[in-house]
Amino acid sequence: MTIKDLITKITTEVLNPVLILLFALATVVFVWGIINYVLGSQGEPAKVEKGKKMMLWGLVGMFIMASAWGIVKILCDFFGSCTEVIGK
């Protein structure tokens, strides 16, 4: 097994599913923050603050997942593997 095969296998079977799951989770947190913010704007300041914090952490999570996906893409390009997995 070459390093190219190892990186392709790790990317396809571990990293891609984990990144997709975490990105989806960050999106859910962001949307839940929006819901709390909108519902809290009806007169509950605590819900407004909670919504703001959840939206912020959702955005931070999405940024981290997008960055991780970019790092995986850079590694695949560097080693010349994973072109069929991530695409060009």
PDB file of N, CA and C in Angstrom:
ATOM      1  N   MET A   1       0.838  -1.170   0.000  1.00  0.00           N
ATOM      2  CA  MET A   1       0.000   0.000   0.000  1.00  0.00           C
ATOM      3  C   MET A   1       0.892   1.246   0.000  1.00  0.00           C
ATOM      4  N   THR A   2       0.619   2.139  -0.922  1.00  0.00           N
ATOM      5  CA  THR A   2       1.409   3.359  -1.022  1.00  0.00           C
ATOM      6  C   THR A   2       0.771   4.460  -0.171  1.00  0.00           C
ATOM      7  N   ILE A   3       1.516   5.541  -0.013  1.00  0.00           N
ATOM      8  CA  ILE A   3       1.000   6.674   0.754  1.00  0.00           C
ATOM      9  C   ILE A   3      -0.225   7.268   0.068  1.00  0.00           C
ATOM     10  N   LYS A   4      -0.228   7.244  -1.257  1.00  0.00           N
ATOM     11  CA  LYS A   4      -1.366   7.758  -2.022  1.00  0.00           C
ATOM     12  C   LYS A   4      -2.626   6.933  -1.722  1.00  0.00           C
ATOM     13  N   ASP A   5      -2.485   5.616  -1.702  1.00  0.00           N
ATOM     14  CA  ASP A   5      -3.622   4.747  -1.391  1.00  0.00           C
ATOM     15  C   ASP A   5      -4.113   4.961   0.038  1.00  0.00           C
ATOM     16  N   LEU A   6      -3.169   5.135   0.965  1.00  0.00           N
ATOM     17  CA  LEU A   6      -3.518   5.349   2.364  1.00  0.00           C
ATOM     18  C   LEU A   6      -4.290   6.653   2.538  1.00  0.00           C
ATOM     19  N   ILE A   7      -3.821   7.723   1.916  1.00  0.00           N
ATOM     20  CA  ILE A   7      -4.502   9.013   2.029  1.00  0.00           C
ATOM     21  C   ILE A   7      -5.881   8.947   1.396  1.00  0.00           C
ATOM     22  N   THR A   8      -6.004   8.300   0.261  1.00  0.00           N
ATOM     23  CA  THR A   8      -7.302   8.162  -0.392  1.00  0.00           C
ATOM     24  C   THR A   8      -8.265   7.384   0.491  1.00  0.00           C
ATOM     25  N   LYS A   9      -7.793   6.304   1.092  1.00  0.00           N
ATOM     26  CA  LYS A   9      -8.648   5.486   1.956  1.00  0.00           C
ATOM     27  C   LYS A   9      -9.083   6.252   3.206  1.00  0.00           C
ATOM     28  N   ILE A  10      -8.160   6.950   3.840  1.00  0.00           N
ATOM     29  CA  ILE A  10      -8.500   7.736   5.030  1.00  0.00           C
ATOM     30  C   ILE A  10      -9.495   8.831   4.674  1.00  0.00           C
ATOM     31  N   THR A  11      -9.276   9.492   3.546  1.00  0.00           N
ATOM     32  CA  THR A  11     -10.161  10.579   3.135  1.00  0.00           C
ATOM     33  C   THR A  11     -11.563  10.076   2.837  1.00  0.00           C
ATOM     34  N   THR A  12     -11.665   8.995   2.075  1.00  0.00           N
ATOM     35  CA  THR A  12     -12.985   8.522   1.673  1.00  0.00           C
ATOM     36  C   THR A  12     -13.759   7.865   2.800  1.00  0.00           C
ATOM     37  N   GLU A  13     -13.075   7.149   3.682  1.00  0.00           N
ATOM     38  CA  GLU A  13     -13.779   6.367   4.687  1.00  0.00           C
ATOM     39  C   GLU A  13     -13.855   7.017   6.059  1.00  0.00           C
ATOM     40  N   VAL A  14     -13.031   8.028   6.308  1.00  0.00           N
ATOM     41  CA  VAL A  14     -13.045   8.637   7.633  1.00  0.00           C
ATOM     42  C   VAL A  14     -13.347  10.135   7.557  1.00  0.00           C
ATOM     43  N   LEU A  15     -12.477  10.876   6.886  1.00  0.00           N
ATOM     44  CA  LEU A  15     -12.576  12.331   6.935  1.00  0.00           C
ATOM     45  C   LEU A  15     -13.831  12.883   6.284  1.00  0.00           C
ATOM     46  N   ASN A  16     -14.156  12.445   5.087  1.00  0.00           N
ATOM     47  CA  ASN A  16     -15.334  12.996   4.402  1.00  0.00           C
ATOM     48  C   ASN A  16     -16.624  12.777   5.191  1.00  0.00           C
ATOM     49  N   PRO A  17     -16.917  11.563   5.663  1.00  0.00           N
ATOM     50  CA  PRO A  17     -18.151  11.400   6.442  1.00  0.00           C
ATOM     51  C   PRO A  17     -18.170  12.216   7.738  1.00  0.00           C
ATOM     52  N   VAL A  18     -17.029  12.294   8.421  1.00  0.00           N
ATOM     53  CA  VAL A  18     -16.967  13.055   9.669  1.00  0.00           C
ATOM     54  C   VAL A  18     -17.169  14.543   9.391  1.00  0.00           C
ATOM     55  N   LEU A  19     -16.520  15.063   8.362  1.00  0.00           N
ATOM     56  CA  LEU A  19     -16.668  16.480   8.030  1.00  0.00           C
ATOM     57  C   LEU A  19     -18.094  16.813   7.619  1.00  0.00           C
ATOM     58  N   ILE A  20     -18.714  15.944   6.865  1.00  0.00           N
ATOM     59  CA  ILE A  20     -20.101  16.182   6.448  1.00  0.00           C
ATOM     60  C   ILE A  20     -21.024  16.185   7.666  1.00  0.00           C
ATOM     61  N   LEU A  21     -20.838  15.240   8.560  1.00  0.00           N
ATOM     62  CA  LEU A  21     -21.660  15.162   9.763  1.00  0.00           C
ATOM     63  C   LEU A  21     -21.478  16.401  10.645  1.00  0.00           C
ATOM     64  N   LEU A  22     -20.242  16.816  10.856  1.00  0.00           N
ATOM     65  CA  LEU A  22     -19.982  17.976  11.699  1.00  0.00           C
ATOM     66  C   LEU A  22     -20.474  19.271  11.058  1.00  0.00           C
ATOM     67  N   PHE A  23     -20.352  19.380   9.732  1.00  0.00           N
ATOM     68  CA  PHE A  23     -20.863  20.559   9.049  1.00  0.00           C
ATOM     69  C   PHE A  23     -22.385  20.620   9.176  1.00  0.00           C
ATOM     70  N   ALA A  24     -23.040  19.487   9.044  1.00  0.00           N
ATOM     71  CA  ALA A  24     -24.497  19.447   9.209  1.00  0.00           C
ATOM     72  C   ALA A  24     -24.886  19.821  10.638  1.00  0.00           C
ATOM     73  N   LEU A  25     -24.142  19.336  11.615  1.00  0.00           N
ATOM     74  CA  LEU A  25     -24.419  19.668  13.009  1.00  0.00           C
ATOM     75  C   LEU A  25     -24.242  21.167  13.258  1.00  0.00           C
ATOM     76  N   ALA A  26     -23.193  21.768  12.714  1.00  0.00           N
ATOM     77  CA  ALA A  26     -22.974  23.207  12.867  1.00  0.00           C
ATOM     78  C   ALA A  26     -24.099  23.996  12.209  1.00  0.00           C
ATOM     79  N   THR A  27     -24.598  23.512  11.081  1.00  0.00           N
ATOM     80  CA  THR A  27     -25.714  24.177  10.413  1.00  0.00           C
ATOM     81  C   THR A  27     -26.978  24.106  11.261  1.00  0.00           C
ATOM     82  N   VAL A  28     -27.224  22.966  11.872  1.00  0.00           N
ATOM     83  CA  VAL A  28     -28.392  22.810  12.751  1.00  0.00           C
ATOM     84  C   VAL A  28     -28.283  23.758  13.945  1.00  0.00           C
ATOM     85  N   VAL A  29     -27.102  23.873  14.533  1.00  0.00           N
ATOM     86  CA  VAL A  29     -26.902  24.788  15.663  1.00  0.00           C
ATOM     87  C   VAL A  29     -27.170  26.223  15.219  1.00  0.00           C
ATOM     88  N   PHE A  30     -26.687  26.596  14.041  1.00  0.00           N
ATOM     89  CA  PHE A  30     -26.914  27.944  13.524  1.00  0.00           C
ATOM     90  C   PHE A  30     -28.408  28.207  13.321  1.00  0.00           C
ATOM     91  N   VAL A  31     -29.096  27.278  12.693  1.00  0.00           N
ATOM     92  CA  VAL A  31     -30.538  27.444  12.445  1.00  0.00           C
ATOM     93  C   VAL A  31     -31.310  27.488  13.765  1.00  0.00           C
ATOM     94  N   TRP A  32     -30.933  26.666  14.721  1.00  0.00           N
ATOM     95  CA  TRP A  32     -31.595  26.691  16.028  1.00  0.00           C
ATOM     96  C   TRP A  32     -31.352  28.043  16.710  1.00  0.00           C
ATOM     97  N   GLY A  33     -30.169  28.605  16.523  1.00  0.00           N
ATOM     98  CA  GLY A  33     -29.893  29.938  17.056  1.00  0.00           C
ATOM     99  C   GLY A  33     -30.783  30.993  16.424  1.00  0.00           C
ATOM    100  N   ILE A  34     -31.014  30.880  15.124  1.00  0.00           N
ATOM    101  CA  ILE A  34     -31.922  31.815  14.440  1.00  0.00           C
ATOM    102  C   ILE A  34     -33.330  31.688  15.011  1.00  0.00           C
ATOM    103  N   ILE A  35     -33.771  30.447  15.215  1.00  0.00           N
ATOM    104  CA  ILE A  35     -35.115  30.226  15.770  1.00  0.00           C
ATOM    105  C   ILE A  35     -35.215  30.844  17.171  1.00  0.00           C
ATOM    106  N   ASN A  36     -34.222  30.618  18.008  1.00  0.00           N
ATOM    107  CA  ASN A  36     -34.233  31.205  19.354  1.00  0.00           C
ATOM    108  C   ASN A  36     -34.222  32.725  19.291  1.00  0.00           C
ATOM    109  N   TYR A  37     -33.453  33.283  18.370  1.00  0.00           N
ATOM    110  CA  TYR A  37     -33.370  34.732  18.234  1.00  0.00           C
ATOM    111  C   TYR A  37     -34.715  35.322  17.812  1.00  0.00           C
ATOM    112  N   VAL A  38     -35.347  34.709  16.831  1.00  0.00           N
ATOM    113  CA  VAL A  38     -36.631  35.213  16.341  1.00  0.00           C
ATOM    114  C   VAL A  38     -37.713  35.070  17.410  1.00  0.00           C
ATOM    115  N   LEU A  39     -37.770  33.913  18.063  1.00  0.00           N
ATOM    116  CA  LEU A  39     -38.769  33.719  19.103  1.00  0.00           C
ATOM    117  C   LEU A  39     -38.492  34.606  20.318  1.00  0.00           C
ATOM    118  N   GLY A  40     -37.228  34.813  20.623  1.00  0.00           N
ATOM    119  CA  GLY A  40     -36.864  35.653  21.765  1.00  0.00           C
ATOM    120  C   GLY A  40     -37.125  37.120  21.528  1.00  0.00           C
ATOM    121  N   SER A  41     -37.169  37.512  20.278  1.00  0.00           N
ATOM    122  CA  SER A  41     -37.415  38.921  19.983  1.00  0.00           C
ATOM    123  C   SER A  41     -38.845  39.320  20.320  1.00  0.00           C
ATOM    124  N   GLN A  42     -39.656  38.357  20.719  1.00  0.00           N
ATOM    125  CA  GLN A  42     -41.033  38.632  21.120  1.00  0.00           C
ATOM    126  C   GLN A  42     -41.114  39.122  22.570  1.00  0.00           C
ATOM    127  N   GLY A  43     -39.977  39.330  23.210  1.00  0.00           N
ATOM    128  CA  GLY A  43     -40.004  39.885  24.556  1.00  0.00           C
ATOM    129  C   GLY A  43     -39.156  39.164  25.585  1.00  0.00           C
ATOM    130  N   GLU A  44     -38.378  38.162  25.178  1.00  0.00           N
ATOM    131  CA  GLU A  44     -37.538  37.445  26.134  1.00  0.00           C
ATOM    132  C   GLU A  44     -36.065  37.717  25.809  1.00  0.00           C
ATOM    133  N   PRO A  45     -35.448  38.659  26.519  1.00  0.00           N
ATOM    134  CA  PRO A  45     -34.053  39.009  26.238  1.00  0.00           C
ATOM    135  C   PRO A  45     -33.078  37.841  26.411  1.00  0.00           C
ATOM    136  N   ALA A  46     -33.376  36.928  27.317  1.00  0.00           N
ATOM    137  CA  ALA A  46     -32.484  35.784  27.529  1.00  0.00           C
ATOM    138  C   ALA A  46     -32.435  34.899  26.288  1.00  0.00           C
ATOM    139  N   LYS A  47     -33.587  34.725  25.628  1.00  0.00           N
ATOM    140  CA  LYS A  47     -33.614  33.919  24.410  1.00  0.00           C
ATOM    141  C   LYS A  47     -32.879  34.614  23.272  1.00  0.00           C
ATOM    142  N   VAL A  48     -32.962  35.938  23.231  1.00  0.00           N
ATOM    143  CA  VAL A  48     -32.246  36.688  22.191  1.00  0.00           C
ATOM    144  C   VAL A  48     -30.741  36.469  22.348  1.00  0.00           C
ATOM    145  N   GLU A  49     -30.246  36.584  23.570  1.00  0.00           N
ATOM    146  CA  GLU A  49     -28.812  36.378  23.821  1.00  0.00           C
ATOM    147  C   GLU A  49     -28.396  34.943  23.516  1.00  0.00           C
ATOM    148  N   LYS A  50     -29.220  33.989  23.927  1.00  0.00           N
ATOM    149  CA  LYS A  50     -28.919  32.578  23.655  1.00  0.00           C
ATOM    150  C   LYS A  50     -28.891  32.334  22.149  1.00  0.00           C
ATOM    151  N   GLY A  51     -29.837  32.931  21.430  1.00  0.00           N
ATOM    152  CA  GLY A  51     -29.871  32.790  19.975  1.00  0.00           C
ATOM    153  C   GLY A  51     -28.640  33.370  19.310  1.00  0.00           C
ATOM    154  N   LYS A  52     -28.195  34.540  19.782  1.00  0.00           N
ATOM    155  CA  LYS A  52     -26.988  35.169  19.227  1.00  0.00           C
ATOM    156  C   LYS A  52     -25.767  34.278  19.430  1.00  0.00           C
ATOM    157  N   LYS A  53     -25.648  33.737  20.645  1.00  0.00           N
ATOM    158  CA  LYS A  53     -24.493  32.879  20.943  1.00  0.00           C
ATOM    159  C   LYS A  53     -24.512  31.611  20.095  1.00  0.00           C
ATOM    160  N   MET A  54     -25.701  31.022  19.936  1.00  0.00           N
ATOM    161  CA  MET A  54     -25.789  29.798  19.134  1.00  0.00           C
ATOM    162  C   MET A  54     -25.478  30.082  17.664  1.00  0.00           C
ATOM    163  N   MET A  55     -25.951  31.212  17.154  1.00  0.00           N
ATOM    164  CA  MET A  55     -25.638  31.570  15.763  1.00  0.00           C
ATOM    165  C   MET A  55     -24.142  31.765  15.592  1.00  0.00           C
ATOM    166  N   LEU A  56     -23.507  32.440  16.562  1.00  0.00           N
ATOM    167  CA  LEU A  56     -22.062  32.660  16.488  1.00  0.00           C
ATOM    168  C   LEU A  56     -21.307  31.335  16.485  1.00  0.00           C
ATOM    169  N   TRP A  57     -21.658  30.432  17.406  1.00  0.00           N
ATOM    170  CA  TRP A  57     -20.956  29.152  17.482  1.00  0.00           C
ATOM    171  C   TRP A  57     -21.256  28.268  16.269  1.00  0.00           C
ATOM    172  N   GLY A  58     -22.455  28.393  15.723  1.00  0.00           N
ATOM    173  CA  GLY A  58     -22.762  27.667  14.491  1.00  0.00           C
ATOM    174  C   GLY A  58     -21.893  28.136  13.342  1.00  0.00           C
ATOM    175  N   LEU A  59     -21.724  29.462  13.231  1.00  0.00           N
ATOM    176  CA  LEU A  59     -20.857  30.011  12.185  1.00  0.00           C
ATOM    177  C   LEU A  59     -19.399  29.603  12.389  1.00  0.00           C
ATOM    178  N   VAL A  60     -18.958  29.622  13.643  1.00  0.00           N
ATOM    179  CA  VAL A  60     -17.579  29.202  13.937  1.00  0.00           C
ATOM    180  C   VAL A  60     -17.390  27.736  13.539  1.00  0.00           C
ATOM    181  N   GLY A  61     -18.368  26.903  13.865  1.00  0.00           N
ATOM    182  CA  GLY A  61     -18.282  25.485  13.497  1.00  0.00           C
ATOM    183  C   GLY A  61     -18.254  25.280  11.998  1.00  0.00           C
ATOM    184  N   MET A  62     -19.100  26.025  11.265  1.00  0.00           N
ATOM    185  CA  MET A  62     -19.097  25.897   9.803  1.00  0.00           C
ATOM    186  C   MET A  62     -17.774  26.368   9.223  1.00  0.00           C
ATOM    187  N   PHE A  63     -17.197  27.435   9.777  1.00  0.00           N
ATOM    188  CA  PHE A  63     -15.906  27.914   9.306  1.00  0.00           C
ATOM    189  C   PHE A  63     -14.819  26.872   9.544  1.00  0.00           C
ATOM    190  N   ILE A  64     -14.824  26.255  10.709  1.00  0.00           N
ATOM    191  CA  ILE A  64     -13.817  25.237  11.020  1.00  0.00           C
ATOM    192  C   ILE A  64     -13.960  24.036  10.082  1.00  0.00           C
ATOM    193  N   MET A  65     -15.191  23.604   9.818  1.00  0.00           N
ATOM    194  CA  MET A  65     -15.400  22.461   8.927  1.00  0.00           C
ATOM    195  C   MET A  65     -14.983  22.793   7.489  1.00  0.00           C
ATOM    196  N   ALA A  66     -15.295  24.007   7.042  1.00  0.00           N
ATOM    197  CA  ALA A  66     -14.870  24.408   5.696  1.00  0.00           C
ATOM    198  C   ALA A  66     -13.344  24.474   5.618  1.00  0.00           C
ATOM    199  N   SER A  67     -12.713  24.952   6.686  1.00  0.00           N
ATOM    200  CA  SER A  67     -11.243  25.000   6.719  1.00  0.00           C
ATOM    201  C   SER A  67     -10.653  23.592   6.710  1.00  0.00           C
ATOM    202  N   ALA A  68     -11.248  22.691   7.470  1.00  0.00           N
ATOM    203  CA  ALA A  68     -10.753  21.308   7.499  1.00  0.00           C
ATOM    204  C   ALA A  68     -10.897  20.672   6.120  1.00  0.00           C
ATOM    205  N   TRP A  69     -12.028  20.936   5.452  1.00  0.00           N
ATOM    206  CA  TRP A  69     -12.222  20.394   4.118  1.00  0.00           C
ATOM    207  C   TRP A  69     -11.157  20.953   3.162  1.00  0.00           C
ATOM    208  N   GLY A  70     -10.829  22.230   3.309  1.00  0.00           N
ATOM    209  CA  GLY A  70      -9.781  22.840   2.489  1.00  0.00           C
ATOM    210  C   GLY A  70      -8.418  22.219   2.744  1.00  0.00           C
ATOM    211  N   ILE A  71      -8.124  21.930   4.003  1.00  0.00           N
ATOM    212  CA  ILE A  71      -6.842  21.299   4.331  1.00  0.00           C
ATOM    213  C   ILE A  71      -6.769  19.911   3.712  1.00  0.00           C
ATOM    214  N   VAL A  72      -7.857  19.162   3.779  1.00  0.00           N
ATOM    215  CA  VAL A  72      -7.885  17.836   3.156  1.00  0.00           C
ATOM    216  C   VAL A  72      -7.653  17.970   1.653  1.00  0.00           C
ATOM    217  N   LYS A  73      -8.274  18.949   1.019  1.00  0.00           N
ATOM    218  CA  LYS A  73      -8.108  19.176  -0.422  1.00  0.00           C
ATOM    219  C   LYS A  73      -6.655  19.511  -0.748  1.00  0.00           C
ATOM    220  N   ILE A  74      -6.024  20.357   0.060  1.00  0.00           N
ATOM    221  CA  ILE A  74      -4.625  20.718  -0.156  1.00  0.00           C
ATOM    222  C   ILE A  74      -3.736  19.485  -0.025  1.00  0.00           C
ATOM    223  N   LEU A  75      -3.981  18.656   0.989  1.00  0.00           N
ATOM    224  CA  LEU A  75      -3.183  17.430   1.153  1.00  0.00           C
ATOM    225  C   LEU A  75      -3.367  16.484  -0.028  1.00  0.00           C
ATOM    226  N   CYS A  76      -4.602  16.353  -0.494  1.00  0.00           N
ATOM    227  CA  CYS A  76      -4.857  15.474  -1.637  1.00  0.00           C
ATOM    228  C   CYS A  76      -4.157  15.999  -2.888  1.00  0.00           C
ATOM    229  N   ASP A  77      -4.202  17.311  -3.095  1.00  0.00           N
ATOM    230  CA  ASP A  77      -3.517  17.890  -4.246  1.00  0.00           C
ATOM    231  C   ASP A  77      -2.002  17.721  -4.127  1.00  0.00           C
ATOM    232  N   PHE A  78      -1.470  17.880  -2.913  1.00  0.00           N
ATOM    233  CA  PHE A  78      -0.035  17.759  -2.702  1.00  0.00           C
ATOM    234  C   PHE A  78       0.455  16.348  -3.002  1.00  0.00           C
ATOM    235  N   PHE A  79      -0.297  15.351  -2.532  1.00  0.00           N
ATOM    236  CA  PHE A  79       0.099  13.969  -2.760  1.00  0.00           C
ATOM    237  C   PHE A  79      -0.433  13.411  -4.075  1.00  0.00           C
ATOM    238  N   GLY A  80      -1.272  14.169  -4.787  1.00  0.00           N
ATOM    239  CA  GLY A  80      -1.785  13.730  -6.069  1.00  0.00           C
ATOM    240  C   GLY A  80      -2.796  12.612  -5.958  1.00  0.00           C
ATOM    241  N   SER A  81      -3.528  12.591  -4.885  1.00  0.00           N
ATOM    242  CA  SER A  81      -4.543  11.548  -4.701  1.00  0.00           C
ATOM    243  C   SER A  81      -5.896  12.204  -4.444  1.00  0.00           C
ATOM    244  N   CYS A  82      -6.905  11.392  -4.273  1.00  0.00           N
ATOM    245  CA  CYS A  82      -8.233  11.817  -3.875  1.00  0.00           C
ATOM    246  C   CYS A  82      -8.965  12.642  -4.926  1.00  0.00           C
ATOM    247  N   THR A  83      -8.526  12.676  -6.158  1.00  0.00           N
ATOM    248  CA  THR A  83      -9.194  13.500  -7.159  1.00  0.00           C
ATOM    249  C   THR A  83     -10.615  13.024  -7.431  1.00  0.00           C
ATOM    250  N   GLU A  84     -10.846  11.734  -7.333  1.00  0.00           N
ATOM    251  CA  GLU A  84     -12.195  11.226  -7.559  1.00  0.00           C
ATOM    252  C   GLU A  84     -13.069  11.396  -6.334  1.00  0.00           C
ATOM    253  N   VAL A  85     -12.477  11.671  -5.181  1.00  0.00           N
ATOM    254  CA  VAL A  85     -13.238  11.804  -3.954  1.00  0.00           C
ATOM    255  C   VAL A  85     -13.720  13.240  -3.748  1.00  0.00           C
ATOM    256  N   ILE A  86     -12.833  14.183  -3.870  1.00  0.00           N
ATOM    257  CA  ILE A  86     -13.159  15.579  -3.593  1.00  0.00           C
ATOM    258  C   ILE A  86     -13.471  16.337  -4.866  1.00  0.00           C
ATOM    259  N   GLY A  87     -12.859  15.969  -5.927  1.00  0.00           N
ATOM    260  CA  GLY A  87     -13.095  16.643  -7.203  1.00  0.00           C
ATOM    261  C   GLY A  87     -12.178  17.839  -7.372  1.00  0.00           C
ATOM    262  N   LYS A  88     -12.101  18.291  -8.602  1.00  0.00           N
ATOM    263  CA  LYS A  88     -11.241  19.446  -8.897  1.00  0.00           C
ATOM    264  C   LYS A  88     -12.037  20.587  -9.412  1.00  0.00           C
TER     265      LYS A  88
END
